[in-house]
Amino acid sequence: MTYEATVQFKFDATYTHTYGSFLDADDYIPEEHYKITAPAADLNAKQYFKLFEKFMLCVGMCPSSIRSGAMSLVFNDMVSEEEQRKVCKEYELTMDEDLDNKFKEWVERDEEVKRVQEEIDTARNFVSEPKIKGDHTKDEFGYISDAFDSANKVA
């Protein structure tokens, strides 16, 4: 048994110039016809949305309005918060209600980074400072030597 299916989006428009109108007739095509046909047997939901996006672009919708409309299918009062959160997780989005917690996490993370950076700086300063005069000085080849006394140039 074979299954064949097609989906079609069709748009027909006509424009009749009204004299005395502030619109210029040269800005409009008197007649427009768009027909988008695609095989529908194996299309998934994302492919259907992509197809419909192309159709909406053909009829003059702007891309930001199309995206807004698509998002309104998920983020509205008729969709459960659980379903909205699934979409947020899938696309790494943060809901407005969660922004306060996210901000607190960022502050804690920034404080931790600052604390670790201070520890690193302290450790660097501790290692680079000689404990006793003459310790940790560089020899004539530029290497640090504990046994080299730079004042007397004696090893």
N, C-alpha and C. Protein backbone atom coordinates (compact mmCIF):
# COMPACT_ATOMS: atom_id res chain seq x y z
N MET A 1 0.85 -1.18 0.00
CA MET A 1 0.00 0.00 0.00
C MET A 1 0.89 1.24 0.00
N THR A 2 0.61 2.18 -0.85
CA THR A 2 1.37 3.42 -0.90
C THR A 2 0.50 4.56 -0.39
N TYR A 3 1.18 5.52 0.16
CA TYR A 3 0.48 6.69 0.70
C TYR A 3 1.10 7.93 0.07
N GLU A 4 0.29 8.72 -0.56
CA GLU A 4 0.75 9.97 -1.15
C GLU A 4 -0.12 11.10 -0.63
N ALA A 5 0.54 12.18 -0.29
CA ALA A 5 -0.21 13.35 0.20
C ALA A 5 0.54 14.61 -0.18
N THR A 6 -0.21 15.66 -0.44
CA THR A 6 0.39 16.95 -0.69
C THR A 6 -0.34 17.99 0.15
N VAL A 7 0.37 19.04 0.46
CA VAL A 7 -0.23 20.16 1.17
C VAL A 7 -0.04 21.39 0.30
N GLN A 8 -1.08 22.25 0.27
CA GLN A 8 -1.02 23.44 -0.56
C GLN A 8 -1.41 24.66 0.27
N PHE A 9 -0.68 25.72 0.05
CA PHE A 9 -1.05 27.03 0.58
C PHE A 9 -1.29 27.90 -0.65
N LYS A 10 -2.45 28.56 -0.68
CA LYS A 10 -2.81 29.32 -1.86
C LYS A 10 -3.22 30.73 -1.43
N PHE A 11 -2.75 31.71 -2.18
CA PHE A 11 -3.06 33.10 -1.89
C PHE A 11 -3.40 33.79 -3.21
N ASP A 12 -4.58 34.41 -3.27
CA ASP A 12 -5.01 35.16 -4.44
C ASP A 12 -5.39 36.57 -3.99
N ALA A 13 -4.88 37.56 -4.68
CA ALA A 13 -5.21 38.95 -4.33
C ALA A 13 -5.37 39.77 -5.59
N THR A 14 -6.29 40.71 -5.53
CA THR A 14 -6.46 41.67 -6.63
C THR A 14 -6.48 43.07 -6.02
N TYR A 15 -6.02 44.02 -6.81
CA TYR A 15 -5.98 45.41 -6.36
C TYR A 15 -6.61 46.27 -7.44
N THR A 16 -7.56 47.06 -7.02
CA THR A 16 -8.19 48.00 -7.94
C THR A 16 -7.87 49.40 -7.44
N HIS A 17 -7.24 50.17 -8.31
CA HIS A 17 -6.83 51.52 -7.93
C HIS A 17 -8.05 52.42 -7.77
N THR A 18 -8.10 53.13 -6.67
CA THR A 18 -9.15 54.10 -6.43
C THR A 18 -8.56 55.49 -6.66
N TYR A 19 -9.09 56.19 -7.61
CA TYR A 19 -8.56 57.52 -7.90
C TYR A 19 -8.88 58.44 -6.74
N GLY A 20 -7.93 59.29 -6.43
CA GLY A 20 -8.09 60.17 -5.29
C GLY A 20 -7.45 59.57 -4.04
N SER A 21 -6.99 58.34 -4.15
CA SER A 21 -6.32 57.68 -3.03
C SER A 21 -4.90 58.23 -2.92
N PHE A 22 -4.38 58.30 -1.72
CA PHE A 22 -3.01 58.80 -1.53
C PHE A 22 -1.97 57.75 -1.92
N LEU A 23 -2.39 56.51 -2.15
CA LEU A 23 -1.47 55.45 -2.54
C LEU A 23 -1.23 55.51 -4.04
N ASP A 24 -0.01 55.27 -4.45
CA ASP A 24 0.36 55.28 -5.86
C ASP A 24 0.09 53.91 -6.45
N ALA A 25 -0.60 53.88 -7.58
CA ALA A 25 -0.96 52.61 -8.21
C ALA A 25 0.27 51.84 -8.66
N ASP A 26 1.38 52.53 -8.90
CA ASP A 26 2.60 51.84 -9.32
C ASP A 26 3.21 50.98 -8.22
N ASP A 27 2.79 51.21 -6.98
CA ASP A 27 3.33 50.45 -5.85
C ASP A 27 2.65 49.09 -5.68
N TYR A 28 1.62 48.83 -6.43
CA TYR A 28 0.86 47.59 -6.26
C TYR A 28 0.77 46.83 -7.56
N ILE A 29 0.75 45.53 -7.45
CA ILE A 29 0.53 44.66 -8.61
C ILE A 29 -0.97 44.43 -8.67
N PRO A 30 -1.60 44.59 -9.84
CA PRO A 30 -3.06 44.47 -9.91
C PRO A 30 -3.60 43.11 -9.49
N GLU A 31 -2.78 42.10 -9.68
CA GLU A 31 -3.26 40.75 -9.35
C GLU A 31 -2.07 39.90 -8.93
N GLU A 32 -2.24 39.15 -7.83
CA GLU A 32 -1.17 38.28 -7.35
C GLU A 32 -1.75 36.91 -7.02
N HIS A 33 -0.99 35.88 -7.36
CA HIS A 33 -1.40 34.51 -7.04
C HIS A 33 -0.17 33.74 -6.58
N TYR A 34 -0.26 33.19 -5.41
CA TYR A 34 0.82 32.35 -4.87
C TYR A 34 0.25 30.99 -4.54
N LYS A 35 1.00 29.96 -4.91
CA LYS A 35 0.57 28.61 -4.58
C LYS A 35 1.83 27.82 -4.23
N ILE A 36 1.90 27.40 -2.99
CA ILE A 36 3.03 26.62 -2.53
C ILE A 36 2.53 25.20 -2.29
N THR A 37 3.16 24.26 -2.94
CA THR A 37 2.77 22.86 -2.82
C THR A 37 3.98 22.06 -2.36
N ALA A 38 3.76 21.16 -1.44
CA ALA A 38 4.86 20.32 -0.94
C ALA A 38 4.33 18.92 -0.66
N PRO A 39 5.19 17.92 -0.79
CA PRO A 39 4.77 16.56 -0.43
C PRO A 39 4.57 16.51 1.09
N ALA A 40 3.46 15.99 1.53
CA ALA A 40 3.12 16.03 2.95
C ALA A 40 3.25 14.68 3.64
N ALA A 41 3.56 13.65 2.92
CA ALA A 41 3.56 12.31 3.51
C ALA A 41 4.59 12.18 4.63
N ASP A 42 5.75 12.78 4.48
CA ASP A 42 6.81 12.59 5.46
C ASP A 42 7.23 13.88 6.17
N LEU A 43 6.44 14.93 6.12
CA LEU A 43 6.82 16.18 6.78
C LEU A 43 6.61 16.07 8.30
N ASN A 44 7.58 16.58 9.04
CA ASN A 44 7.39 16.63 10.50
C ASN A 44 6.88 18.03 10.86
N ALA A 45 6.63 18.25 12.14
CA ALA A 45 6.04 19.52 12.59
C ALA A 45 6.93 20.71 12.24
N LYS A 46 8.24 20.57 12.43
CA LYS A 46 9.14 21.69 12.12
C LYS A 46 9.13 22.01 10.63
N GLN A 47 9.04 20.99 9.79
CA GLN A 47 8.99 21.22 8.35
C GLN A 47 7.68 21.90 7.94
N TYR A 48 6.57 21.52 8.59
CA TYR A 48 5.31 22.20 8.31
C TYR A 48 5.40 23.68 8.68
N PHE A 49 6.00 23.96 9.84
CA PHE A 49 6.15 25.36 10.24
C PHE A 49 7.05 26.12 9.26
N LYS A 50 8.11 25.49 8.80
CA LYS A 50 9.00 26.13 7.83
C LYS A 50 8.24 26.43 6.53
N LEU A 51 7.43 25.49 6.10
CA LEU A 51 6.62 25.68 4.90
C LEU A 51 5.63 26.83 5.09
N PHE A 52 4.98 26.86 6.25
CA PHE A 52 4.02 27.93 6.52
C PHE A 52 4.73 29.27 6.66
N GLU A 53 5.94 29.26 7.20
CA GLU A 53 6.72 30.50 7.28
C GLU A 53 6.95 31.07 5.87
N LYS A 54 7.31 30.21 4.93
CA LYS A 54 7.53 30.66 3.55
C LYS A 54 6.26 31.25 2.96
N PHE A 55 5.14 30.60 3.24
CA PHE A 55 3.86 31.11 2.75
C PHE A 55 3.56 32.48 3.35
N MET A 56 3.77 32.63 4.64
CA MET A 56 3.49 33.91 5.29
C MET A 56 4.40 35.01 4.78
N LEU A 57 5.66 34.68 4.47
CA LEU A 57 6.55 35.66 3.86
C LEU A 57 6.03 36.08 2.49
N CYS A 58 5.50 35.12 1.72
CA CYS A 58 4.95 35.41 0.39
C CYS A 58 3.78 36.38 0.46
N VAL A 59 2.98 36.28 1.50
CA VAL A 59 1.80 37.15 1.60
C VAL A 59 2.10 38.45 2.32
N GLY A 60 3.38 38.69 2.63
CA GLY A 60 3.77 40.00 3.13
C GLY A 60 3.98 40.14 4.62
N MET A 61 3.99 39.05 5.34
CA MET A 61 4.25 39.13 6.79
C MET A 61 5.74 39.37 7.02
N CYS A 62 6.06 40.14 8.05
CA CYS A 62 7.48 40.37 8.34
C CYS A 62 8.00 39.23 9.23
N PRO A 63 9.28 38.90 9.11
CA PRO A 63 9.84 37.77 9.87
C PRO A 63 9.64 37.88 11.39
N SER A 64 9.75 39.09 11.94
CA SER A 64 9.58 39.21 13.40
C SER A 64 8.14 38.91 13.81
N SER A 65 7.17 39.26 12.99
CA SER A 65 5.77 38.93 13.30
C SER A 65 5.53 37.44 13.21
N ILE A 66 6.17 36.80 12.27
CA ILE A 66 6.04 35.34 12.13
C ILE A 66 6.60 34.65 13.37
N ARG A 67 7.79 35.07 13.79
CA ARG A 67 8.40 34.47 14.99
C ARG A 67 7.54 34.73 16.22
N SER A 68 7.02 35.93 16.34
CA SER A 68 6.16 36.26 17.47
C SER A 68 4.91 35.38 17.49
N GLY A 69 4.34 35.18 16.32
CA GLY A 69 3.17 34.31 16.23
C GLY A 69 3.48 32.88 16.61
N ALA A 70 4.64 32.39 16.17
CA ALA A 70 5.03 31.02 16.52
C ALA A 70 5.23 30.89 18.03
N MET A 71 5.87 31.88 18.64
CA MET A 71 6.10 31.82 20.09
C MET A 71 4.79 31.91 20.86
N SER A 72 3.81 32.63 20.30
CA SER A 72 2.53 32.77 21.00
C SER A 72 1.78 31.44 21.06
N LEU A 73 2.15 30.49 20.21
CA LEU A 73 1.53 29.16 20.30
C LEU A 73 1.95 28.44 21.58
N VAL A 74 3.13 28.74 22.08
CA VAL A 74 3.65 28.09 23.28
C VAL A 74 3.39 28.94 24.52
N PHE A 75 3.71 30.21 24.42
CA PHE A 75 3.66 31.08 25.61
C PHE A 75 2.36 31.87 25.64
N ASN A 76 1.31 31.19 26.05
CA ASN A 76 0.02 31.83 26.25
C ASN A 76 -0.68 31.15 27.43
N ASP A 77 -1.79 31.69 27.85
CA ASP A 77 -2.48 31.19 29.04
C ASP A 77 -3.14 29.84 28.84
N MET A 78 -3.26 29.39 27.61
CA MET A 78 -3.92 28.10 27.35
C MET A 78 -2.93 26.93 27.39
N VAL A 79 -1.64 27.21 27.48
CA VAL A 79 -0.62 26.17 27.53
C VAL A 79 -0.12 26.08 28.97
N SER A 80 -0.02 24.86 29.47
CA SER A 80 0.40 24.69 30.86
C SER A 80 1.83 25.17 31.06
N GLU A 81 2.11 25.60 32.28
CA GLU A 81 3.46 26.07 32.61
C GLU A 81 4.48 24.95 32.42
N GLU A 82 4.08 23.73 32.69
CA GLU A 82 4.98 22.58 32.51
C GLU A 82 5.42 22.45 31.05
N GLU A 83 4.48 22.59 30.13
CA GLU A 83 4.81 22.51 28.70
C GLU A 83 5.68 23.70 28.28
N GLN A 84 5.41 24.86 28.81
CA GLN A 84 6.23 26.03 28.51
C GLN A 84 7.66 25.83 28.99
N ARG A 85 7.80 25.24 30.18
CA ARG A 85 9.13 25.01 30.74
C ARG A 85 9.91 23.97 29.92
N LYS A 86 9.21 23.00 29.34
CA LYS A 86 9.87 22.02 28.47
C LYS A 86 10.49 22.73 27.27
N VAL A 87 9.73 23.65 26.67
CA VAL A 87 10.24 24.39 25.52
C VAL A 87 11.41 25.27 25.95
N CYS A 88 11.29 25.90 27.11
CA CYS A 88 12.38 26.74 27.62
C CYS A 88 13.66 25.92 27.79
N LYS A 89 13.51 24.74 28.33
CA LYS A 89 14.68 23.89 28.54
C LYS A 89 15.29 23.48 27.20
N GLU A 90 14.44 23.12 26.24
CA GLU A 90 14.91 22.68 24.92
C GLU A 90 15.70 23.78 24.21
N TYR A 91 15.25 25.02 24.35
CA TYR A 91 15.89 26.13 23.64
C TYR A 91 16.73 27.03 24.56
N GLU A 92 16.99 26.57 25.77
CA GLU A 92 17.81 27.30 26.75
C GLU A 92 17.30 28.72 26.97
N LEU A 93 16.00 28.82 27.27
CA LEU A 93 15.35 30.10 27.56
C LEU A 93 15.07 30.20 29.05
N THR A 94 14.95 31.41 29.55
CA THR A 94 14.61 31.64 30.94
C THR A 94 13.29 32.39 30.99
N MET A 95 12.36 31.86 31.76
CA MET A 95 11.06 32.52 31.91
C MET A 95 11.23 33.71 32.86
N ASP A 96 10.40 34.73 32.70
CA ASP A 96 10.49 35.94 33.52
C ASP A 96 10.44 35.62 35.02
N GLU A 97 9.61 34.67 35.40
CA GLU A 97 9.48 34.33 36.82
C GLU A 97 10.77 33.79 37.40
N ASP A 98 11.65 33.27 36.55
CA ASP A 98 12.89 32.65 37.02
C ASP A 98 14.09 33.60 36.98
N LEU A 99 13.90 34.81 36.51
CA LEU A 99 15.02 35.74 36.36
C LEU A 99 15.66 36.12 37.70
N ASP A 100 14.85 36.26 38.75
CA ASP A 100 15.39 36.62 40.06
C ASP A 100 16.35 35.54 40.56
N ASN A 101 15.95 34.28 40.42
CA ASN A 101 16.84 33.18 40.83
C ASN A 101 18.09 33.12 39.97
N LYS A 102 17.95 33.35 38.66
CA LYS A 102 19.11 33.36 37.77
C LYS A 102 20.08 34.45 38.18
N PHE A 103 19.55 35.64 38.50
CA PHE A 103 20.40 36.74 38.91
C PHE A 103 21.16 36.39 40.18
N LYS A 104 20.50 35.76 41.14
CA LYS A 104 21.17 35.34 42.38
C LYS A 104 22.28 34.34 42.08
N GLU A 105 22.02 33.41 41.15
CA GLU A 105 23.06 32.45 40.76
C GLU A 105 24.26 33.16 40.15
N TRP A 106 24.00 34.15 39.30
CA TRP A 106 25.10 34.90 38.66
C TRP A 106 25.93 35.64 39.70
N VAL A 107 25.26 36.26 40.69
CA VAL A 107 25.96 36.99 41.74
C VAL A 107 26.84 36.03 42.53
N GLU A 108 26.29 34.86 42.90
CA GLU A 108 27.07 33.86 43.65
C GLU A 108 28.26 33.39 42.82
N ARG A 109 28.05 33.14 41.55
CA ARG A 109 29.13 32.69 40.67
C ARG A 109 30.22 33.76 40.54
N ASP A 110 29.80 35.02 40.39
CA ASP A 110 30.76 36.12 40.30
C ASP A 110 31.57 36.26 41.58
N GLU A 111 30.92 36.09 42.73
CA GLU A 111 31.63 36.16 44.01
C GLU A 111 32.62 35.02 44.13
N GLU A 112 32.24 33.84 43.69
CA GLU A 112 33.14 32.68 43.73
C GLU A 112 34.34 32.90 42.82
N VAL A 113 34.12 33.42 41.63
CA VAL A 113 35.22 33.70 40.71
C VAL A 113 36.15 34.73 41.31
N LYS A 114 35.60 35.76 41.93
CA LYS A 114 36.42 36.80 42.56
C LYS A 114 37.25 36.21 43.69
N ARG A 115 36.63 35.34 44.51
CA ARG A 115 37.33 34.71 45.63
C ARG A 115 38.49 33.84 45.14
N VAL A 116 38.24 33.04 44.11
CA VAL A 116 39.27 32.16 43.56
C VAL A 116 40.39 33.00 42.93
N GLN A 117 40.03 34.08 42.24
CA GLN A 117 41.04 34.95 41.64
C GLN A 117 41.92 35.58 42.71
N GLU A 118 41.32 35.99 43.83
CA GLU A 118 42.10 36.55 44.94
C GLU A 118 43.05 35.51 45.52
N GLU A 119 42.59 34.26 45.65
CA GLU A 119 43.45 33.18 46.14
C GLU A 119 44.63 32.96 45.19
N ILE A 120 44.37 32.99 43.90
CA ILE A 120 45.43 32.80 42.91
C ILE A 120 46.44 33.94 43.00
N ASP A 121 45.94 35.17 43.09
CA ASP A 121 46.83 36.33 43.20
C ASP A 121 47.68 36.26 44.47
N THR A 122 47.07 35.85 45.59
CA THR A 122 47.80 35.71 46.85
C THR A 122 48.88 34.65 46.72
N ALA A 123 48.54 33.53 46.10
CA ALA A 123 49.51 32.45 45.92
C ALA A 123 50.66 32.91 45.02
N ARG A 124 50.37 33.64 43.99
CA ARG A 124 51.43 34.15 43.10
C ARG A 124 52.36 35.10 43.85
N ASN A 125 51.78 35.99 44.64
CA ASN A 125 52.59 36.92 45.42
C ASN A 125 53.44 36.19 46.46
N PHE A 126 52.88 35.17 47.07
CA PHE A 126 53.60 34.41 48.09
C PHE A 126 54.81 33.69 47.48
N VAL A 127 54.63 33.09 46.32
CA VAL A 127 55.71 32.34 45.66
C VAL A 127 56.79 33.28 45.14
N SER A 128 56.40 34.44 44.63
CA SER A 128 57.38 35.32 44.01
C SER A 128 58.20 36.12 45.02
N GLU A 129 57.74 36.25 46.26
CA GLU A 129 58.50 36.99 47.27
C GLU A 129 59.50 36.08 47.96
N PRO A 130 60.77 36.51 48.07
CA PRO A 130 61.77 35.69 48.76
C PRO A 130 61.49 35.66 50.25
N LYS A 131 61.74 34.50 50.87
CA LYS A 131 61.52 34.33 52.31
C LYS A 131 62.69 34.93 53.09
N ILE A 132 63.89 34.71 52.59
CA ILE A 132 65.11 35.21 53.20
C ILE A 132 65.87 35.93 52.10
N LYS A 133 66.54 36.98 52.49
CA LYS A 133 67.28 37.73 51.49
C LYS A 133 68.24 36.80 50.77
N GLY A 134 68.19 36.85 49.46
CA GLY A 134 69.04 35.99 48.64
C GLY A 134 68.32 34.76 48.14
N ASP A 135 67.20 34.38 48.76
CA ASP A 135 66.42 33.23 48.28
C ASP A 135 65.72 33.61 46.98
N HIS A 136 65.46 32.63 46.20
CA HIS A 136 64.69 32.77 44.95
C HIS A 136 65.25 33.83 44.04
N THR A 137 66.52 33.91 43.94
CA THR A 137 67.11 34.85 42.99
C THR A 137 67.51 34.10 41.74
N LYS A 138 67.63 34.82 40.67
CA LYS A 138 67.98 34.20 39.39
C LYS A 138 69.50 34.13 39.27
N ASP A 139 69.97 33.02 38.73
CA ASP A 139 71.42 32.90 38.49
C ASP A 139 71.76 33.60 37.19
N GLU A 140 73.00 33.50 36.78
CA GLU A 140 73.45 34.20 35.58
C GLU A 140 72.76 33.75 34.31
N PHE A 141 72.11 32.57 34.36
CA PHE A 141 71.40 32.06 33.18
C PHE A 141 69.90 32.36 33.23
N GLY A 142 69.45 33.04 34.26
CA GLY A 142 68.04 33.41 34.37
C GLY A 142 67.19 32.39 35.11
N TYR A 143 67.80 31.35 35.71
CA TYR A 143 67.05 30.34 36.44
C TYR A 143 67.01 30.69 37.91
N ILE A 144 65.91 30.36 38.57
CA ILE A 144 65.79 30.60 40.00
C ILE A 144 66.57 29.53 40.73
N SER A 145 67.38 29.97 41.66
CA SER A 145 68.20 29.04 42.43
C SER A 145 68.12 29.42 43.89
N ASP A 146 67.75 28.45 44.76
CA ASP A 146 67.66 28.72 46.19
C ASP A 146 69.04 28.91 46.80
N ALA A 147 70.07 28.28 46.25
CA ALA A 147 71.38 28.28 46.86
C ALA A 147 72.26 29.40 46.36
N PHE A 148 71.79 30.26 45.50
CA PHE A 148 72.62 31.30 44.90
C PHE A 148 72.49 32.58 45.72
N ASP A 149 73.56 33.07 46.19
CA ASP A 149 73.57 34.31 46.97
C ASP A 149 73.99 35.42 46.02
N SER A 150 73.02 36.23 45.62
CA SER A 150 73.31 37.26 44.62
C SER A 150 74.18 38.37 45.16
N ALA A 151 74.15 38.60 46.45
CA ALA A 151 74.96 39.68 47.01
C ALA A 151 76.44 39.37 46.93
N ASN A 152 76.78 38.09 47.23
CA ASN A 152 78.19 37.71 47.23
C ASN A 152 78.59 36.94 45.98
N LYS A 153 77.62 36.68 45.11
CA LYS A 153 77.82 35.90 43.89
C LYS A 153 78.48 34.58 44.18
N VAL A 154 78.02 33.94 45.24
CA VAL A 154 78.55 32.63 45.66
C VAL A 154 77.40 31.64 45.62
N ALA A 155 77.73 30.46 45.09
CA ALA A 155 76.72 29.42 45.04
C ALA A 155 76.80 28.56 46.27
